[in-house]
Protein backbone atom coordinates (compact mmCIF):
# COMPACT_ATOMS: atom_id res chain seq x y z
CA MET A 1 -22.53 -50.40 -61.87
CA ASP A 2 -20.21 -49.23 -59.08
CA PRO A 3 -19.20 -52.16 -56.81
CA ILE A 4 -20.10 -50.03 -53.75
CA ILE A 5 -23.63 -49.60 -55.08
CA ILE A 6 -23.93 -53.34 -55.73
CA LEU A 7 -22.67 -54.08 -52.22
CA GLY A 8 -25.07 -51.47 -50.83
CA ILE A 9 -28.05 -53.09 -52.58
CA VAL A 10 -27.06 -56.51 -51.25
CA LEU A 11 -26.61 -55.12 -47.74
CA ALA A 12 -29.96 -53.29 -47.90
CA LEU A 13 -31.68 -56.53 -48.82
CA LEU A 14 -29.78 -58.25 -46.00
CA PHE A 15 -31.10 -55.55 -43.68
CA ASN A 16 -34.67 -56.32 -44.76
CA PHE A 17 -33.95 -60.02 -44.28
CA ALA A 18 -32.74 -59.30 -40.72
CA ASN A 19 -35.82 -57.12 -40.24
CA GLY A 20 -38.08 -60.04 -41.14
CA LEU A 21 -36.03 -62.33 -38.93
CA ASN A 22 -36.46 -60.06 -35.91
CA ASP A 23 -39.91 -58.71 -36.65
CA ALA A 24 -41.43 -62.07 -37.57
CA ALA A 25 -42.68 -62.02 -33.99
CA ASN A 26 -44.78 -58.93 -34.61
CA SER A 27 -47.54 -60.45 -36.67
CA ILE A 28 -47.50 -64.04 -35.42
CA ALA A 29 -46.63 -63.92 -31.71
CA THR A 30 -50.25 -63.78 -30.57
CA ILE A 31 -51.32 -66.45 -33.11
CA ILE A 32 -48.68 -68.85 -31.77
CA ALA A 33 -49.38 -67.96 -28.13
CA THR A 34 -53.06 -68.92 -28.48
CA LYS A 35 -52.37 -71.92 -30.76
CA ALA A 36 -54.62 -70.51 -33.49
CA LEU A 37 -52.02 -71.84 -35.94
CA THR A 38 -48.91 -73.94 -35.60
CA PRO A 39 -45.62 -71.98 -35.62
CA LEU A 40 -44.88 -73.11 -39.20
CA GLN A 41 -48.36 -72.15 -40.43
CA ALA A 42 -48.14 -68.77 -38.69
CA VAL A 43 -44.75 -68.00 -40.21
CA LEU A 44 -45.97 -68.94 -43.70
CA LEU A 45 -49.01 -66.69 -43.25
CA ALA A 46 -46.85 -63.77 -42.14
CA GLY A 47 -44.39 -64.32 -45.00
CA VAL A 48 -47.10 -64.16 -47.67
CA PHE A 49 -48.81 -61.05 -46.30
CA ASN A 50 -45.51 -59.30 -45.61
CA LEU A 51 -44.87 -59.67 -49.34
CA LEU A 52 -48.24 -58.10 -50.20
CA GLY A 53 -47.92 -55.14 -47.83
CA PRO A 54 -45.58 -52.92 -49.90
CA LEU A 55 -47.66 -53.53 -53.02
CA LEU A 56 -50.85 -52.26 -51.33
CA PHE A 57 -49.46 -49.04 -49.82
CA THR A 58 -47.62 -46.05 -51.27
CA THR A 59 -43.83 -45.66 -51.10
CA ALA A 60 -44.07 -42.55 -48.90
CA ILE A 61 -42.09 -44.22 -46.12
CA ALA A 62 -39.30 -45.09 -48.55
CA ALA A 63 -39.11 -41.39 -49.43
CA THR A 64 -38.87 -40.44 -45.74
CA ILE A 65 -36.00 -42.89 -45.23
CA GLY A 66 -34.20 -41.98 -48.45
CA ARG A 67 -34.47 -38.20 -48.42
CA GLY A 68 -36.10 -37.08 -45.16
CA ILE A 69 -33.30 -37.67 -42.64
CA VAL A 70 -30.01 -36.76 -44.31
CA ASP A 71 -29.89 -34.02 -46.96
CA PRO A 72 -29.69 -35.89 -50.30
CA SER A 73 -26.88 -33.59 -51.44
CA PHE A 74 -24.65 -35.11 -48.74
CA LEU A 75 -25.59 -38.71 -49.45
CA THR A 76 -22.96 -40.79 -51.21
CA PRO A 77 -23.03 -44.54 -51.89
CA THR A 78 -20.29 -45.03 -49.29
CA LEU A 79 -22.12 -43.08 -46.58
CA ILE A 80 -25.32 -45.03 -47.24
CA LEU A 81 -23.38 -48.29 -47.14
CA VAL A 82 -21.91 -47.44 -43.74
CA ALA A 83 -25.36 -46.44 -42.42
CA LEU A 84 -26.58 -49.90 -43.41
CA VAL A 85 -23.69 -51.54 -41.58
CA GLY A 86 -24.65 -49.78 -38.35
CA GLY A 87 -28.30 -50.82 -38.69
CA VAL A 88 -27.62 -54.42 -39.72
CA LEU A 89 -25.13 -55.06 -36.91
CA TRP A 90 -27.55 -53.83 -34.25
CA VAL A 91 -30.54 -55.80 -35.60
CA LEU A 92 -28.56 -59.03 -35.98
CA THR A 93 -27.07 -58.66 -32.49
CA THR A 94 -30.45 -58.13 -30.84
CA SER A 95 -32.01 -60.96 -32.86
CA LEU A 96 -29.36 -63.37 -31.56
CA LEU A 97 -30.08 -62.17 -28.02
CA GLY A 98 -33.83 -62.63 -28.54
CA ILE A 99 -34.64 -58.95 -27.94
CA PRO A 100 -37.33 -57.37 -30.18
CA VAL A 101 -36.10 -54.01 -31.47
CA SER A 102 -37.13 -51.62 -34.21
CA SER A 103 -35.29 -52.32 -37.45
CA SER A 104 -36.58 -49.01 -38.81
CA HIS A 105 -35.02 -47.10 -35.93
CA ALA A 106 -31.77 -49.04 -36.30
CA LEU A 107 -31.54 -47.90 -39.91
CA ILE A 108 -32.43 -44.32 -38.95
CA GLY A 109 -29.71 -44.40 -36.30
CA GLY A 110 -27.24 -45.66 -38.90
CA LEU A 111 -28.14 -42.81 -41.26
CA LEU A 112 -27.79 -40.22 -38.49
CA GLY A 113 -24.43 -41.59 -37.32
CA ALA A 114 -22.95 -41.87 -40.81
CA GLY A 115 -24.34 -38.47 -41.84
CA ILE A 116 -22.94 -36.62 -38.82
CA ALA A 117 -19.58 -38.42 -38.97
CA GLY A 118 -19.24 -37.82 -42.70
CA ALA A 119 -20.62 -34.31 -43.14
CA GLY A 120 -21.38 -32.86 -39.70
CA THR A 121 -24.69 -31.98 -38.08
CA GLY A 122 -25.51 -29.69 -41.00
CA ALA A 123 -26.18 -32.77 -43.14
CA ILE A 124 -29.17 -33.73 -41.01
CA ILE A 125 -32.61 -32.39 -41.97
CA TRP A 126 -33.68 -30.92 -38.63
CA PRO A 127 -37.36 -30.05 -38.05
CA SER A 128 -38.39 -26.40 -38.30
CA LEU A 129 -39.23 -24.39 -35.19
CA SER A 130 -42.84 -23.92 -36.31
CA MET A 131 -43.27 -27.67 -36.75
CA ILE A 132 -41.95 -28.27 -33.23
CA GLU A 133 -44.21 -25.55 -31.79
CA GLN A 134 -47.31 -27.05 -33.44
CA THR A 135 -46.42 -30.49 -32.13
CA VAL A 136 -45.95 -29.16 -28.58
CA PHE A 137 -49.28 -27.30 -28.80
CA TYR A 138 -51.28 -30.37 -29.82
CA GLY A 139 -49.37 -32.54 -27.36
CA LEU A 140 -50.13 -30.20 -24.44
CA ALA A 141 -53.76 -29.89 -25.54
CA GLY A 142 -54.05 -33.68 -25.54
CA ILE A 143 -52.45 -33.96 -22.10
CA VAL A 144 -54.78 -31.37 -20.54
CA LEU A 145 -57.94 -32.71 -22.20
CA GLY A 146 -57.04 -36.32 -21.40
CA ALA A 147 -56.32 -35.51 -17.75
CA ILE A 148 -59.61 -33.59 -17.38
CA VAL A 149 -61.75 -36.33 -18.97
CA THR A 150 -60.10 -39.18 -17.09
CA GLY A 151 -60.09 -37.31 -13.79
CA ALA A 152 -63.77 -36.35 -14.14
CA PHE A 153 -64.75 -39.93 -15.05
CA ALA A 154 -62.86 -41.36 -12.06
CA TYR A 155 -64.36 -38.70 -9.75
CA LEU A 156 -67.92 -39.49 -10.84
CA LYS A 157 -67.27 -43.18 -10.13
CA GLY A 158 -65.90 -42.27 -6.70
CA GLU A 159 -62.51 -43.78 -7.54
CA PHE A 160 -60.43 -40.64 -8.11
CA LYS A 161 -56.70 -40.83 -7.38
CA PRO A 162 -53.96 -38.37 -8.43
CA TRP A 163 -52.37 -40.89 -10.77
CA ASN A 164 -55.62 -40.87 -12.81
CA LEU A 165 -54.55 -37.46 -14.12
CA LEU A 166 -51.16 -38.82 -15.22
CA VAL A 167 -52.74 -41.77 -17.01
CA GLY A 168 -55.33 -39.51 -18.62
CA GLY A 169 -52.66 -37.11 -19.82
CA LEU A 170 -50.68 -39.97 -21.38
CA ILE A 171 -53.76 -41.30 -23.14
CA GLY A 172 -54.66 -37.78 -24.28
CA VAL A 173 -51.31 -37.02 -25.92
CA THR A 174 -51.19 -40.52 -27.42
CA LEU A 175 -54.49 -39.97 -29.21
CA ALA A 176 -54.29 -36.22 -29.88
CA ILE A 177 -51.15 -36.17 -32.03
CA PRO A 178 -52.13 -39.03 -34.41
CA ILE A 179 -55.65 -37.55 -34.74
CA ALA A 180 -54.21 -34.11 -35.50
CA ILE A 181 -51.94 -35.65 -38.14
CA ALA A 182 -54.73 -37.75 -39.66
CA THR A 183 -57.09 -34.75 -39.90
CA GLY A 184 -54.40 -32.51 -41.42
CA PHE A 185 -54.22 -30.02 -38.55
CA LEU A 186 -50.68 -31.09 -37.66
CA LYS A 187 -48.13 -31.62 -40.41
CA VAL A 188 -44.96 -33.39 -39.31
CA SER A 189 -42.37 -35.16 -41.40
CA GLY A 190 -38.87 -36.52 -41.40
CA LEU A 191 -36.90 -36.76 -38.19
CA LEU A 192 -39.54 -35.13 -35.96
CA ALA A 193 -42.22 -37.61 -37.06
CA ILE A 194 -39.84 -40.47 -36.33
CA ILE A 195 -38.96 -39.14 -32.86
CA ILE A 196 -42.62 -38.56 -32.00
CA PHE A 197 -43.64 -42.08 -32.91
CA ILE A 198 -40.76 -43.69 -31.05
CA VAL A 199 -42.80 -42.60 -28.02
CA ILE A 200 -46.31 -42.63 -29.48
CA SER A 201 -46.37 -46.00 -31.28
CA PRO A 202 -46.07 -48.28 -28.19
CA THR A 203 -48.48 -46.16 -26.14
CA LEU A 204 -50.89 -45.90 -29.09
CA GLY A 205 -50.79 -49.68 -29.50
CA PHE A 206 -51.36 -50.05 -25.74
CA VAL A 207 -54.29 -47.61 -25.58
CA VAL A 208 -56.06 -48.88 -28.70
CA ALA A 209 -55.63 -52.54 -27.68
CA PHE A 210 -56.77 -51.84 -24.10
CA ILE A 211 -59.93 -50.06 -25.30
CA PHE A 212 -60.65 -52.62 -28.02
CA GLY A 213 -59.91 -55.56 -25.68
CA THR A 214 -62.21 -54.13 -23.01
CA ALA A 215 -64.97 -53.64 -25.61
CA VAL A 216 -64.58 -57.25 -26.80
CA VAL A 217 -64.82 -58.55 -23.22
CA HIS A 218 -67.98 -56.52 -22.64
CA ALA A 219 -69.61 -57.53 -25.94
CA PHE A 220 -68.98 -61.27 -25.48
CA ARG A 221 -69.30 -61.52 -21.69
CA ASN A 222 -72.29 -63.91 -21.85
CA TYR A 223 -70.80 -66.38 -24.34
CA ALA A 224 -69.47 -69.81 -23.36
CA PRO A 225 -65.64 -69.80 -23.00
CA ARG A 226 -65.13 -72.79 -25.33
CA ARG A 227 -67.22 -71.19 -28.06
CA LEU A 228 -65.32 -67.92 -27.68
CA THR A 229 -61.97 -69.67 -27.93
CA ARG A 230 -62.89 -71.36 -31.21
CA PHE A 231 -64.43 -68.17 -32.64
CA PHE A 232 -61.51 -65.90 -31.86
CA ARG A 233 -58.87 -68.38 -32.95
CA ASN A 234 -60.41 -68.23 -36.41
CA LEU A 235 -60.59 -64.43 -36.29
CA GLN A 236 -56.91 -64.30 -35.35
CA ILE A 237 -55.99 -65.55 -38.81
CA PHE A 238 -57.63 -62.42 -40.24
CA SER A 239 -56.11 -60.06 -37.66
CA GLY A 240 -52.66 -61.61 -38.05
CA SER A 241 -52.89 -61.15 -41.81
CA LEU A 242 -53.85 -57.49 -41.34
CA GLN A 243 -50.88 -57.00 -39.05
CA ALA A 244 -48.48 -58.71 -41.46
CA VAL A 245 -49.69 -56.48 -44.31
CA GLY A 246 -49.09 -53.42 -42.13
CA HIS A 247 -45.66 -54.70 -41.14
CA GLY A 248 -44.62 -55.39 -44.72
CA GLY A 249 -46.01 -52.05 -45.92
CA ASN A 250 -43.99 -50.17 -43.30
CA ASP A 251 -40.74 -52.06 -42.71
CA ALA A 252 -40.12 -53.37 -46.23
CA GLN A 253 -39.82 -49.76 -47.35
CA ASN A 254 -36.62 -49.36 -45.32
CA ALA A 255 -34.56 -51.10 -47.99
CA MET A 256 -36.58 -49.45 -50.75
CA GLY A 257 -35.65 -45.99 -49.50
CA ILE A 258 -31.99 -46.90 -49.05
CA ILE A 259 -31.59 -48.61 -52.43
CA THR A 260 -33.38 -45.78 -54.26
CA ALA A 261 -31.23 -43.17 -52.45
CA MET A 262 -28.10 -45.13 -53.44
CA LEU A 263 -29.21 -45.34 -57.08
CA LEU A 264 -29.86 -41.59 -57.04
CA ALA A 265 -26.52 -40.79 -55.37
CA GLY A 266 -24.74 -42.96 -57.93
CA GLY A 267 -26.42 -41.17 -60.85
CA LEU A 268 -28.31 -44.27 -62.00
CA ILE A 269 -31.71 -42.57 -61.71
CA SER A 270 -32.55 -38.88 -62.13
CA GLU A 271 -35.23 -38.49 -59.42
CA PHE A 272 -36.33 -40.21 -56.24
CA ALA A 273 -38.84 -42.72 -57.59
CA VAL A 274 -38.77 -46.30 -56.31
CA PRO A 275 -38.36 -48.75 -59.24
CA LEU A 276 -40.66 -51.78 -59.34
CA TRP A 277 -37.76 -54.23 -59.07
CA VAL A 278 -36.67 -52.53 -55.84
CA ILE A 279 -40.19 -52.92 -54.39
CA LEU A 280 -40.30 -56.61 -55.30
CA ALA A 281 -36.75 -57.40 -54.12
CA SER A 282 -37.24 -55.58 -50.80
CA SER A 283 -40.58 -57.30 -50.17
CA LEU A 284 -39.12 -60.71 -51.00
CA ALA A 285 -36.14 -60.19 -48.66
CA ILE A 286 -38.32 -59.32 -45.68
CA SER A 287 -40.65 -62.23 -46.44
CA ILE A 288 -37.78 -64.72 -46.54
CA GLY A 289 -36.56 -63.42 -43.19
CA THR A 290 -40.05 -63.82 -41.77
CA LEU A 291 -40.36 -67.34 -43.18
CA LEU A 292 -37.16 -68.40 -41.45
CA GLY A 293 -38.46 -66.81 -38.25
CA GLY A 294 -36.73 -65.22 -35.28
CA TRP A 295 -37.80 -67.90 -32.84
CA ARG A 296 -36.20 -66.45 -29.71
CA VAL A 297 -37.90 -63.11 -30.37
CA ILE A 298 -41.19 -64.89 -31.08
CA ASP A 299 -40.96 -66.73 -27.75
CA LYS A 300 -40.41 -63.48 -25.84
CA MET A 301 -43.28 -61.68 -27.56
CA ALA A 302 -45.67 -64.65 -27.39
CA ASN A 303 -45.00 -66.01 -23.93
CA LYS A 304 -42.88 -63.71 -21.77
CA ILE A 305 -44.86 -60.42 -21.67
CA THR A 306 -48.29 -61.72 -20.66
CA ARG A 307 -50.50 -64.77 -20.99
CA ILE A 308 -52.59 -64.25 -24.12
CA ARG A 309 -56.04 -65.72 -24.71
CA PRO A 310 -57.58 -65.95 -28.21
CA TYR A 311 -59.84 -62.89 -27.82
CA GLN A 312 -56.84 -60.91 -26.58
CA GLY A 313 -54.70 -62.12 -29.45
CA PHE A 314 -57.37 -60.94 -31.88
CA ALA A 315 -57.64 -57.55 -30.12
CA ALA A 316 -53.84 -57.07 -30.03
CA SER A 317 -53.26 -58.01 -33.68
CA THR A 318 -56.19 -55.97 -34.96
CA SER A 319 -55.14 -52.91 -32.95
CA ALA A 320 -51.49 -53.10 -34.00
CA GLY A 321 -52.44 -53.78 -37.64
CA GLY A 322 -54.79 -50.78 -37.66
CA VAL A 323 -52.14 -48.48 -36.18
CA LEU A 324 -49.54 -49.64 -38.73
CA SER A 325 -51.91 -49.28 -41.68
CA LEU A 326 -52.80 -45.74 -40.63
CA MET A 327 -49.14 -44.76 -40.35
CA ASN A 328 -48.39 -46.36 -43.73
CA VAL A 329 -51.00 -44.14 -45.34
CA PHE A 330 -49.38 -41.02 -43.88
CA GLY A 331 -45.83 -42.12 -44.69
CA VAL A 332 -44.57 -42.29 -41.09
CA PRO A 333 -41.94 -45.04 -40.51
CA VAL A 334 -43.09 -46.28 -37.11
CA SER A 335 -41.76 -49.25 -35.23
CA THR A 336 -43.91 -52.32 -35.81
CA THR A 337 -42.19 -53.88 -32.79
CA HIS A 338 -43.17 -50.95 -30.58
CA ALA A 339 -46.79 -50.93 -31.75
CA THR A 340 -47.18 -54.69 -31.35
CA THR A 341 -45.50 -54.91 -27.96
CA GLY A 342 -47.66 -52.02 -26.75
CA ALA A 343 -50.77 -53.80 -28.04
CA ILE A 344 -49.83 -57.04 -26.25
CA MET A 345 -49.30 -55.11 -23.02
CA GLY A 346 -52.63 -53.35 -23.58
CA VAL A 347 -54.68 -56.53 -23.86
CA GLY A 348 -52.78 -58.02 -20.93
CA ALA A 349 -53.59 -54.97 -18.81
CA THR A 350 -57.32 -55.59 -19.32
CA ARG A 351 -56.88 -58.35 -16.73
CA GLY A 352 -55.13 -56.02 -14.29
CA TYR A 353 -51.68 -54.57 -13.63
CA SER A 354 -50.20 -57.86 -12.40
CA ALA A 355 -51.11 -59.69 -15.63
CA VAL A 356 -48.18 -58.01 -17.44
CA LYS A 357 -44.59 -59.05 -16.68
CA TRP A 358 -43.15 -55.56 -16.37
CA GLY A 359 -39.59 -56.81 -15.84
CA VAL A 360 -39.55 -58.19 -19.40
CA VAL A 361 -41.13 -54.95 -20.61
CA ARG A 362 -38.31 -52.94 -19.01
CA GLU A 363 -35.71 -55.05 -20.84
CA ILE A 364 -37.46 -54.37 -24.14
CA LEU A 365 -37.79 -50.65 -23.37
CA ILE A 366 -34.05 -50.35 -22.69
CA ALA A 367 -33.31 -51.94 -26.08
CA TRP A 368 -35.71 -49.48 -27.74
CA ILE A 369 -34.04 -46.49 -26.13
CA LEU A 370 -30.58 -47.71 -27.12
CA THR A 371 -31.42 -48.60 -30.73
CA VAL A 372 -31.04 -45.21 -32.47
CA PRO A 373 -27.90 -44.07 -30.58
CA ALA A 374 -26.28 -47.53 -30.69
CA ALA A 375 -26.74 -47.89 -34.46
CA ALA A 376 -25.60 -44.27 -34.91
CA VAL A 377 -22.40 -44.89 -32.92
CA VAL A 378 -21.60 -48.10 -34.82
CA ALA A 379 -22.15 -46.38 -38.19
CA GLY A 380 -20.15 -43.30 -37.16
CA ILE A 381 -17.21 -45.41 -35.96
CA CYS A 382 -17.24 -47.47 -39.17
CA LEU A 383 -17.18 -44.33 -41.31
CA LEU A 384 -14.37 -42.68 -39.35
CA ALA A 385 -12.38 -45.93 -39.33
CA GLY A 386 -12.80 -46.28 -43.09
CA GLN A 387 -11.68 -42.69 -43.65
CA ALA A 388 -8.63 -43.24 -41.43
CA VAL A 389 -7.61 -46.35 -43.33
CA PHE A 390 -8.55 -45.45 -46.89
CA GLY A 391 -8.46 -41.63 -46.74
CA GLY A 392 -10.46 -39.71 -49.30
CA VAL A 393 -11.30 -42.88 -51.25
CA PHE A 394 -13.72 -43.90 -48.50
């Protein structure tokens, strides 16, 4: 086997390890914040269910990563290796700084940067005009419908303010596009799906968690607080497991897609089909990263965004896990970090605007925005530097 391919496989598994290290916070932050489990117990729980996730879902996300961003005819083992370097460097850097970022988006940025630097913009699989037009149509329909419904509801309550229309429009587009995709009316794939859910996943997590959290508060409003605390701490073990399965099913496929693409580019397999050993190795790598835990990231997710009570932890984990599972089914590589952070903000917002520490949220948002371009720049520079030093060999 070509040494570059071997190195690429090792680096892909390292990427999944770094993913688990950073994204360990996703499925256990709320469990630790409410003391439903000790940090060690929570990490062990997440590690086990992260391992199960890829075995329960299809490998559609791996296919999106491996052949939906850069045209497979332009992919070489070296280009894939450099894309991994860009993604790994960004994830490790942000993990050391304690900033939760999307490992999936870091890898996508690496692929874009290496692809453009190595073969030009023509190597990227851009979305078709009709796909963009359909997305805009359903997005605008969601905005208008959401604004009308929210505005009318606020008016009937005698609490109408202009910003109600803005909030309603945001909620409308957040729900309309995933519903259109789930029902088959809107078909998006590849780069466009990824771009859409960079925006949609945190707001979807926020909206679903806010609605679910509000419903939980209403349903259990007459129960004694101590009884509620004990009840929801137990339920959090279930919801945290669901979220860890969703996380593993989505993010573990990053390395699967990359390794399979590298095997295909190197002529070791004849078609894009993820081998079983790749599924197992990728799942194990992300689980080990989760078991070791990204404790600075966990602290920020668990304690710095908002104060989380057990019922809110259950609502946040269940909402984020449901969103991730749905996206896994449709093969969309969303950010588990975005969905979970949005869900935590959503349950926090059920106690009012001031319950969320928006300064911390802004810091996280900046890291999200920078992830794809930063990883792309790092990967592009590495490829150009390698070509300058090694010439056509690289």
